Protein backbone atom coordinates (compact mmCIF):
# COMPACT_ATOMS: atom_id res chain seq x y z
CA MET A 1 -2.56 3.54 6.76
CA TRP A 2 0.49 3.90 9.47
CA GLN A 3 -1.37 6.42 11.90
CA LYS A 4 -2.70 8.50 8.95
CA ILE A 5 -5.24 11.17 8.67
CA LEU A 6 -8.61 9.50 7.87
CA TRP A 7 -10.15 10.50 4.69
CA TRP A 8 -13.53 8.39 4.39
CA LEU A 9 -16.60 8.06 2.48
CA PRO A 10 -19.84 6.91 3.81
CA VAL A 11 -21.44 3.38 2.45
CA LEU A 12 -24.50 1.37 3.25
CA PHE A 13 -24.46 -2.37 2.75
CA LEU A 14 -27.34 -5.07 2.94
CA ALA A 15 -26.88 -7.65 5.60
CA SER A 16 -25.55 -11.07 4.33
CA GLY A 17 -23.75 -13.95 5.86
CA PHE A 18 -20.36 -15.61 5.02
CA SER A 19 -20.09 -19.17 6.23
CA SER A 20 -16.49 -20.59 7.43
CA TYR A 21 -14.82 -22.96 4.81
CA GLN A 22 -11.41 -23.36 3.37
CA PHE A 23 -10.95 -21.65 0.08
CA ALA A 24 -8.77 -22.32 -2.82
CA CYS A 25 -8.52 -20.56 -6.23
CA GLU A 26 -6.04 -19.83 -8.86
CA ILE A 27 -4.34 -16.49 -9.38
CA ASP A 28 -4.06 -15.08 -12.85
CA GLU A 29 -1.83 -12.25 -14.24
CA GLY A 30 -4.74 -9.81 -14.26
CA ASN A 31 -5.50 -10.32 -10.70
CA ARG A 32 -6.85 -7.43 -9.12
CA PHE A 33 -7.12 -8.20 -5.56
CA GLY A 34 -4.77 -6.89 -3.15
CA VAL A 35 -3.95 -6.18 0.23
CA VAL A 36 -1.59 -3.96 2.26
CA ASP A 37 0.51 -5.55 4.96
CA HIS A 38 3.70 -4.98 6.82
CA LEU A 39 5.51 -8.17 5.54
CA THR A 40 8.87 -6.73 6.01
CA TRP A 41 8.38 -5.62 9.68
CA ARG A 42 10.88 -8.23 11.26
CA PHE A 43 9.01 -8.27 14.76
CA LEU A 44 5.72 -9.09 12.99
CA TYR A 45 6.94 -11.60 10.45
CA SER A 46 9.46 -14.66 10.96
CA PRO A 47 10.00 -16.59 7.65
CA GLU A 48 7.72 -19.05 8.95
CA ASP A 49 4.96 -16.45 9.58
CA LEU A 50 5.63 -14.98 6.14
CA ASP A 51 5.04 -18.51 4.27
CA HIS A 52 1.65 -18.95 6.58
CA ALA A 53 0.37 -15.51 5.39
CA LEU A 54 1.07 -15.77 1.74
CA THR A 55 -0.48 -19.17 1.58
CA MET A 56 -3.45 -17.75 3.29
CA MET A 57 -3.48 -14.94 0.77
CA THR A 58 -3.42 -17.38 -2.13
CA GLU A 59 -6.06 -19.41 -0.81
CA ALA A 60 -8.21 -16.51 -0.74
CA GLY A 61 -7.56 -15.20 -4.37
CA ILE A 62 -5.19 -12.29 -3.11
CA GLY A 63 -2.56 -11.75 -5.89
CA TRP A 64 -0.82 -8.48 -4.57
CA VAL A 65 0.36 -7.07 -1.53
CA ARG A 66 1.62 -3.57 -0.92
CA THR A 67 4.23 -3.08 1.55
CA ASN A 68 6.72 -0.83 2.75
CA TRP A 69 10.33 -1.35 1.26
CA SER A 70 11.69 1.13 3.87
CA TRP A 71 15.03 2.55 3.44
CA LYS A 72 15.49 3.16 7.24
CA ASP A 73 15.06 -0.93 7.46
CA PHE A 74 17.75 -1.68 4.83
CA GLN A 75 20.28 0.86 6.17
CA PRO A 76 19.50 1.98 9.69
CA GLU A 77 22.89 3.25 10.10
CA GLU A 78 24.99 4.81 7.30
CA GLY A 79 26.74 1.77 5.68
CA ASP A 80 26.15 -1.85 4.33
CA PHE A 81 22.47 -2.37 3.29
CA ILE A 82 20.56 -5.17 5.49
CA PHE A 83 18.68 -7.15 2.83
CA GLU A 84 17.67 -10.36 4.77
CA GLN A 85 14.03 -9.73 5.66
CA PHE A 86 13.40 -8.09 2.17
CA ASP A 87 15.17 -11.38 0.33
CA THR A 88 12.76 -13.52 2.39
CA VAL A 89 9.67 -11.57 1.21
CA ALA A 90 10.43 -11.23 -2.16
CA ARG A 91 11.58 -14.95 -2.49
CA LEU A 92 8.53 -16.21 -0.69
CA ALA A 93 5.86 -13.88 -2.61
CA SER A 94 7.50 -15.02 -5.85
CA GLU A 95 7.18 -18.94 -4.67
CA HIS A 96 3.47 -18.05 -3.97
CA GLY A 97 2.71 -16.25 -7.18
CA VAL A 98 2.14 -12.94 -5.23
CA HIS A 99 2.76 -9.95 -6.82
CA LEU A 100 4.62 -7.11 -4.57
CA LEU A 101 3.87 -3.46 -4.65
CA PRO A 102 6.86 -2.00 -2.52
CA ILE A 103 6.83 1.38 -1.31
CA LEU A 104 10.08 3.74 -1.65
CA THR A 105 9.88 5.36 1.65
CA ALA A 106 11.13 5.94 5.10
CA VAL A 107 14.25 7.95 5.40
CA PRO A 108 16.73 6.92 7.90
CA ALA A 109 17.44 9.33 10.95
CA TRP A 110 21.36 9.65 9.53
CA ALA A 111 20.13 10.83 6.31
CA SER A 112 16.72 13.04 7.06
CA THR A 113 16.16 16.63 7.12
CA ALA A 114 14.19 16.37 10.26
CA PRO A 115 15.22 18.87 12.84
CA ALA A 116 18.06 17.82 14.93
CA GLU A 117 16.10 17.67 18.24
CA LEU A 118 13.34 15.63 16.80
CA ILE A 119 16.30 13.18 15.41
CA ALA A 120 17.66 13.01 19.02
CA GLU A 121 14.13 12.30 20.56
CA ARG A 122 12.91 9.91 18.01
CA GLY A 123 15.84 8.29 16.15
CA ASN A 124 14.76 6.46 12.99
CA LEU A 125 10.95 6.35 14.26
CA SER A 126 8.08 8.61 12.85
CA PRO A 127 7.96 11.47 12.15
CA VAL A 128 11.75 11.33 11.34
CA ASP A 129 11.57 9.06 8.42
CA ARG A 130 8.88 11.15 6.78
CA TYR A 131 11.10 14.28 6.09
CA ARG A 132 13.08 14.47 2.75
CA PRO A 133 16.31 13.15 2.33
CA ARG A 134 19.39 15.30 3.11
CA ASP A 135 21.23 14.47 -0.12
CA ILE A 136 19.29 13.28 -3.24
CA ASP A 137 22.25 11.20 -4.22
CA GLU A 138 21.98 9.10 -1.17
CA TRP A 139 18.25 8.51 -1.66
CA LEU A 140 19.06 7.42 -5.30
CA THR A 141 21.65 4.94 -4.20
CA TYR A 142 18.98 3.38 -2.17
CA VAL A 143 16.58 3.43 -4.94
CA ARG A 144 18.93 1.99 -7.51
CA THR A 145 20.27 -0.53 -4.96
CA VAL A 146 16.67 -2.10 -4.29
CA VAL A 147 15.50 -1.83 -7.71
CA GLU A 148 18.45 -3.79 -9.23
CA ARG A 149 18.54 -6.24 -6.50
CA TYR A 150 14.60 -7.20 -7.23
CA ASP A 151 14.62 -6.81 -11.09
CA GLY A 152 15.44 -10.45 -11.78
CA ASP A 153 17.75 -9.85 -14.53
CA GLY A 154 20.72 -12.19 -12.56
CA VAL A 155 22.85 -9.22 -11.89
CA ASP A 156 23.19 -8.19 -8.25
CA ASP A 157 20.04 -10.00 -7.58
CA ALA A 158 18.65 -11.25 -4.28
CA PRO A 159 19.11 -14.93 -3.87
CA ASP A 160 16.99 -16.67 -6.59
CA SER A 161 16.35 -13.44 -8.58
CA PRO A 162 12.67 -12.75 -7.43
CA ARG A 163 11.33 -10.30 -9.57
CA ILE A 164 9.66 -7.10 -8.49
CA THR A 165 7.82 -5.16 -11.52
CA HIS A 166 6.01 -2.25 -9.75
CA TRP A 167 7.61 0.57 -7.52
CA GLU A 168 5.58 3.47 -5.53
CA VAL A 169 7.46 6.40 -4.75
CA TRP A 170 6.44 7.61 -1.07
CA ASN A 171 2.87 7.55 0.61
CA GLU A 172 0.39 10.09 1.07
CA PRO A 173 2.48 13.14 -0.06
CA ASN A 174 -0.40 15.50 0.15
CA LEU A 175 -0.63 15.08 4.16
CA ALA A 176 1.37 16.65 6.31
CA LEU A 177 1.64 13.68 8.35
CA PHE A 178 3.84 12.12 5.62
CA TRP A 179 5.32 15.17 4.12
CA PRO A 180 6.03 17.24 7.08
CA PRO A 181 5.90 20.08 8.04
CA GLU A 182 3.50 20.67 5.35
CA PRO A 183 2.81 19.23 1.74
CA ASP A 184 4.86 20.85 -0.98
CA VAL A 185 4.03 19.35 -4.43
CA LYS A 186 6.87 20.79 -6.05
CA GLU A 187 9.34 19.16 -3.83
CA TYR A 188 7.05 15.99 -4.33
CA VAL A 189 7.68 16.18 -8.13
CA GLU A 190 11.30 16.87 -7.89
CA LEU A 191 11.72 13.69 -5.76
CA LEU A 192 9.17 11.52 -8.06
CA ALA A 193 11.08 12.78 -11.31
CA VAL A 194 14.68 11.68 -10.12
CA THR A 195 13.18 8.35 -8.35
CA TYR A 196 11.37 7.65 -11.68
CA THR A 197 14.70 8.10 -13.56
CA GLU A 198 16.84 5.88 -11.60
CA VAL A 199 14.14 3.08 -11.45
CA MET A 200 14.13 3.04 -15.34
CA GLU A 201 17.90 3.03 -15.60
CA ALA A 202 17.97 0.15 -13.20
CA ASP A 203 14.98 -1.62 -14.61
CA PRO A 204 13.50 -0.09 -17.76
CA THR A 205 10.63 -2.38 -17.55
CA ALA A 206 9.65 -1.37 -14.40
CA THR A 207 6.02 0.30 -13.70
CA VAL A 208 6.11 3.40 -11.21
CA VAL A 209 3.25 4.21 -9.29
CA LEU A 210 2.46 7.58 -7.80
CA GLY A 211 2.84 7.85 -4.01
CA GLY A 212 -0.85 6.88 -2.75
CA LEU A 213 -2.81 10.06 -2.27
CA SER A 214 -5.20 10.45 0.59
CA GLY A 215 -8.74 10.80 -1.07
CA PRO A 216 -9.25 11.42 -4.75
CA GLY A 217 -6.26 13.61 -5.22
CA GLY A 218 -8.32 16.73 -6.28
CA ASP A 219 -5.96 19.94 -6.36
CA TYR A 220 -3.09 18.15 -5.15
CA LEU A 221 -3.26 15.70 -8.14
CA GLN A 222 -3.82 18.74 -10.45
CA ALA A 223 -0.90 20.47 -8.97
CA VAL A 224 1.33 17.48 -9.82
CA TYR A 225 0.27 17.73 -13.36
CA ASP A 226 0.94 21.52 -13.32
CA ALA A 227 4.46 21.13 -11.68
CA GLY A 228 5.22 18.80 -14.91
CA GLY A 229 4.66 15.41 -12.90
CA ALA A 230 3.15 13.40 -15.87
CA PRO A 231 6.02 11.76 -17.36
CA TYR A 232 7.06 10.19 -14.08
CA PHE A 233 4.23 7.75 -13.37
CA ASP A 234 2.37 5.12 -14.82
CA VAL A 235 -0.54 4.58 -12.22
CA VAL A 236 -2.25 6.58 -10.19
CA SER A 237 -3.02 5.58 -6.51
CA VAL A 238 -5.60 6.71 -4.01
CA HIS A 239 -6.87 5.98 -0.40
CA LEU A 240 -10.31 5.98 0.01
CA TYR A 241 -11.92 4.92 3.52
CA ILE A 242 -15.29 3.48 4.16
CA HIS A 243 -17.71 3.44 7.02
CA PRO A 244 -19.71 0.19 6.71
CA ARG A 245 -23.12 1.53 7.57
CA LEU A 246 -23.15 5.32 6.55
CA GLY A 247 -24.23 6.44 3.04
CA SER A 248 -24.32 5.02 -0.18
CA ILE A 249 -21.49 3.29 -2.20
CA GLN A 250 -22.15 5.77 -5.18
CA GLY A 251 -20.15 8.04 -3.15
CA LEU A 252 -16.96 5.68 -3.60
CA GLN A 253 -17.65 5.60 -7.04
CA ASP A 254 -17.81 9.50 -7.52
CA ALA A 255 -14.66 10.12 -5.90
CA LEU A 256 -12.69 7.74 -8.07
CA GLU A 257 -14.62 9.16 -11.01
CA SER A 258 -13.50 12.61 -9.91
CA THR A 259 -9.77 11.25 -10.04
CA ARG A 260 -10.67 9.79 -13.61
CA ARG A 261 -11.53 13.27 -14.90
CA ILE A 262 -8.45 14.97 -13.77
CA LEU A 263 -6.16 12.17 -15.32
CA ASP A 264 -8.42 12.90 -18.55
CA LEU A 265 -8.36 16.44 -18.51
CA ASN A 266 -4.51 16.15 -18.61
CA GLY A 267 -4.22 13.61 -21.39
CA ASP A 268 -3.70 10.56 -19.34
CA GLU A 269 -6.78 8.75 -20.36
CA ASP A 270 -4.87 5.33 -20.46
CA VAL A 271 -3.10 5.76 -16.89
CA PRO A 272 -4.96 3.43 -14.70
CA ILE A 273 -6.14 4.27 -11.05
CA TRP A 274 -5.42 1.81 -8.17
CA LEU A 275 -7.36 2.03 -5.06
CA THR A 276 -4.23 0.87 -2.93
CA GLU A 277 -6.08 1.61 0.69
CA THR A 278 -9.56 0.88 1.73
CA GLY A 279 -11.06 -0.77 4.56
CA TRP A 280 -12.30 -0.20 7.88
CA SER A 281 -10.96 -0.97 11.62
CA ASP A 282 -13.20 -3.24 13.83
CA ALA A 283 -11.91 -1.32 16.80
CA GLU A 284 -14.26 0.49 19.16
CA ASN A 285 -15.59 3.93 17.75
CA ALA A 286 -12.76 4.28 15.37
CA TRP A 287 -12.07 7.73 14.94
CA GLY A 288 -15.32 8.69 16.82
CA GLN A 289 -17.51 6.85 14.50
CA PRO A 290 -19.97 4.22 15.24
CA THR A 291 -18.46 1.00 15.78
CA ALA A 292 -18.52 -1.52 13.12
CA SER A 293 -19.09 -5.38 13.50
CA GLN A 294 -16.72 -7.77 11.90
CA ASP A 295 -19.73 -8.77 9.76
CA GLU A 296 -20.65 -5.18 8.57
CA ILE A 297 -16.98 -5.02 7.47
CA ALA A 298 -17.38 -8.31 5.71
CA GLU A 299 -20.45 -6.97 3.85
CA MET A 300 -18.81 -3.99 2.84
CA LEU A 301 -15.61 -5.67 1.49
CA ALA A 302 -17.96 -7.76 -0.82
CA GLU A 303 -19.67 -4.78 -1.97
CA VAL A 304 -16.43 -2.79 -2.67
CA TYR A 305 -15.01 -5.60 -4.88
CA ARG A 306 -18.19 -6.38 -6.60
CA ALA A 307 -18.89 -2.65 -7.69
CA PRO A 308 -18.07 -1.47 -11.04
CA LEU A 309 -15.65 0.94 -9.56
CA GLU A 310 -12.89 3.16 -11.73
CA ALA A 311 -10.12 1.34 -10.13
CA GLU A 312 -7.88 -1.57 -11.83
CA LYS A 313 -6.72 -2.95 -8.39
CA ILE A 314 -8.24 -2.75 -5.17
CA PHE A 315 -5.93 -3.13 -2.01
CA TRP A 316 -7.84 -3.76 1.30
CA TYR A 317 -6.03 -2.43 4.41
CA ASN A 318 -4.96 -4.54 5.67
CA PHE A 319 -4.23 -8.36 5.85
CA ARG A 320 -3.19 -8.99 9.47
CA ASN A 321 -4.05 -7.38 12.78
CA ILE A 322 -0.70 -6.15 14.05
CA PHE A 323 -1.40 -6.87 17.63
CA ASP A 324 -4.35 -8.77 19.17
CA ASN A 325 -6.43 -7.68 22.25
CA SER A 326 -5.10 -4.02 21.49
CA PRO A 327 -8.03 -1.27 21.74
CA ASP A 328 -5.95 0.82 19.06
CA VAL A 329 -7.55 1.50 15.93
CA GLU A 330 -4.48 0.92 13.70
CA HIS A 331 -4.12 -2.57 15.12
CA ASN A 332 -7.43 -3.90 14.10
CA PHE A 333 -8.00 -3.62 10.54
CA GLY A 334 -6.85 -7.23 9.62
CA LEU A 335 -8.70 -9.85 7.53
CA ILE A 336 -7.23 -11.99 10.17
CA TYR A 337 -6.11 -11.92 13.62
CA ASN A 338 -2.48 -11.72 14.66
CA ASP A 339 -2.63 -15.48 15.59
CA PHE A 340 -3.94 -16.00 11.82
CA THR A 341 -7.50 -16.76 12.74
CA PRO A 342 -9.78 -15.56 9.96
CA LYS A 343 -12.18 -13.01 10.54
CA PRO A 344 -15.59 -12.81 8.43
CA ALA A 345 -13.98 -10.36 6.14
CA TYR A 346 -11.20 -12.88 5.09
CA GLU A 347 -13.89 -15.22 4.14
CA ALA A 348 -15.81 -12.62 2.38
CA TYR A 349 -12.63 -11.55 0.58
CA ALA A 350 -12.15 -15.28 -0.49
CA GLU A 351 -15.64 -15.85 -1.74
CA VAL A 352 -15.50 -12.71 -4.03
CA ALA A 353 -12.28 -13.06 -5.41
CA CYS A 354 -12.52 -16.89 -6.18
CA SER A 355 -15.84 -16.25 -7.90
CA PRO A 356 -15.48 -16.56 -11.77
CA THR A 357 -17.41 -13.35 -12.27
CA THR A 358 -15.27 -11.30 -10.12
CA GLY A 359 -11.90 -13.08 -10.13
């Protein structure tokens, strides 16, 4: 979400209880259970914390993690790449049997087209990193370098040759917040096309995921097709946020089915939809909505994963609180607290993911 504009659908759930216990279940190749988390943030995750988080994920049946693979963190200054944190994330995820969905994103200040005064004020911080690159060849060098490093082919690989198979191109390009100063579908498709080509040249077996769209896609997704974007993605990704107490789960299904209709009308009947962000913060009055209790969020999570939604994979936002004892909405989405204490939603996740009828 990363300070995103909220697109949410109201949903109502019946009360149910989740008991505290230790979970353990196997993660198979078809695992559809994902989370979003900031594993590559050095201040948040030491190697020991990464191992702890990934262990808790596998114990809860989580087989996928969507995380930023930020250019600005690989190359905060023009010159050599810094791989250490990313190498550690890739290696430990592989050791735990967890698949990564890295997001190719976050242009460093030195390569950004952001206004000079904004760069002077913010440096590598947002929104500077959300502007397009000044030189597409510099962007493609970043793409080629990271895809090749994590393709597992033994050539120019990270230590132990961890394999990453899926790559997402940008985050929420249909919002001005992530494509300033305003969304431009033609620009995005141009970036998507050259990025897809570069990924395929580095790893012809890779899968490219369309940058997660805020909401079901609608006119923007159709415009991607109209601009010739169809050949340049293998999966469509959408973000739908749900209040735990309001409305009906049918709204979520209707939104996903509207995405499906756009794909089908454009001849992409076989292209899967991934719901790569959904969830709710337990902060007080998040986005001005009624406060949701942790039990209500847990109940909502179970309903989302058990419903026959038009989504091949579902990624809960997010796994771990960024900070504890913070009133910030963004800091309170976690299935677990910052100190790794599980919330009811973690237990609900494990109960659903480890069930033989849903796993």
